[in-house]
Amino acid sequence: MKKKILIVENESRQAKLWMTKLEEEGYKVDWAENGKTACDKISQENYHLILSDIRMPQMDGLQLLDWIRERDKEIPVIMITAFADVDSAVRAMKKGAYDYVKKPIDLEELTQIIGKVFRMKVLEEENVYLKNELSRKSGMLVVGESAEFKKVMDLIAKVAKTKSTVLINGETGTGKELVANAIHYNSPRKNAPLVVVNCAALPENLLESELFGHIKGAFTGAYEDKKGKFAVANSGTLFLDEIGAIPVNLQSKLLRAIENQQFEPVGSTKTVFCDVRIIAATNIDLKKAIEKGEFREDLYYRLNVFPIYLSPLRQRTGDIPYLVEHFIKMYNIELKKEIKGIEKEALDVLMSYYWPGNVRELENIMERAMVLCERDILTAEFFKMLHNKPIGPKDGLLDQKPLEEFINYQNEKKYSESKKKFISSFDKNFLIRTLKETKGNITKASHISGIDRKNLYRKIKSLGIDPKTFKN
């Protein structure tokens, strides 16, 4: 996307000369002959840089700079000044101008200054991105305003200061690893390692070695001693993702390591001591796994000291606008885009979708949309794949629990609507009979029905009944 520059200069010959040079450099250039015209153009267009003379009729460059800074504190403004008016340029710098150039302008110098400005803007954006990444790792990046989100943030703040074992429950894509990051990087252990193990990614024999390490010759292929994740995470935090996938016969060794802070590497009789905080996460119901004999009850209670539940995105749709804004900012930097926002119609599509893949699915959809978008705003066309999308196991996105939850929700909704219609119909027929008996006398109807007169009047009005029709 070409950078757009607005030149504000009342001398047309000078302006056209500068425009020609900057267009040759690959910029898209517009011209305003005075400050007021510039204001109109800036209100209608998104410019990346303003190049403005200081001395102009109607509205000078300093007044224009004040007007711009009231609306946008980020857009770079370069002032043009005559040799004798350097004081005004200095005042402009104090008001927030990025730089100034003197007349007569050296066109090569001007292009160098503008190039430097844009390079600095890229560095600033990258710096913001890096700060956000650091914030995300330290768990300080707040994206959400729902009650559920705030409750989770409150729980994180409380448990982070302790060394209690945490069990994070939530569907796939709800951000369990981010919560683990937040807890670790806000804890006294933040300067020690946070080690992540995906328990579902390795077969049983390799998982044991991954967790506890092994000695040389312990099994075929063990050509040297290897430290396990418990040892690597010493003094820090060990995050056990998908804890429900650990085989039952390995769970007893894990329980002992957590309870006693000690273990033996595979093939060794030597006990290794460690100081490790455990955070575990699961997307399955561990209580059902216990009933099926697939998970040890004692291990479950040892892990579930401080449970944190992450709601699926469909239950906190109020957070979607905040997440969308965050992803736009993040991918603007990663993809070198300049997308300003999202249309209401497009946001409505995102708000009404079921999100079986939760926040991870939203992030993936946002990234795809921003790759495809060639304008400065996201429109509904980029999210048309979400319209009338079937929900069920055939999508490969939902497990049975969310599907049942959705079906129950739809059934309850239909039942609730039918119940309302039935009650409304019953109320109307009852009130009509009562008003017929009392010949439209609301006071008598109130006495017969046992409904307060004011409430009865409001009810009659809401049902569209006219008491006068029963007076004869």
Foldseek 3Di string as FASTA:
>chain_A
DAAEEEEEAQDVVLVVVLCVLVVVVVHHYHYHNHLVSVVVVVVVDPHQEYEYEQDDPPAGPQNSLLVVCVPDLPRAYEYEYEPVPVVVQVVSVVSRHPYYAYPPGDSVVVVVVVVVVVVVVLVVLVVVLVVVVVCLLLLNDDQFDDPLSVVLVVLLLVPLADLAFEEEEEAAQLCLVSSVSNSFNNYPLNVADEAEDEQQPDDQVVSLCQAAWAADPLDPPRNHTDHHPQVRRFSGEYEYEQVLNHAAVCLVQVQCCLVVQWHAHRPDPDIDHGDYRYYYYHHDDVVVCVVVVGYDPVSVVRNHPDYRYRDFCLVRLNSVQSLLVVLVSNLCSVVVNQADEEDPVLSVLVSPFNPLNGSVVVSVLSNQQRVPDPDNYGYNVSVVCRPPPDDDVVVVRHDVVVVVVVVVVVVVVVVVVVVVVVVLVVVVVVLVVLLLVVQLDLVSSCVVVVNDSVVSVVSCVVNVHDSNVNND
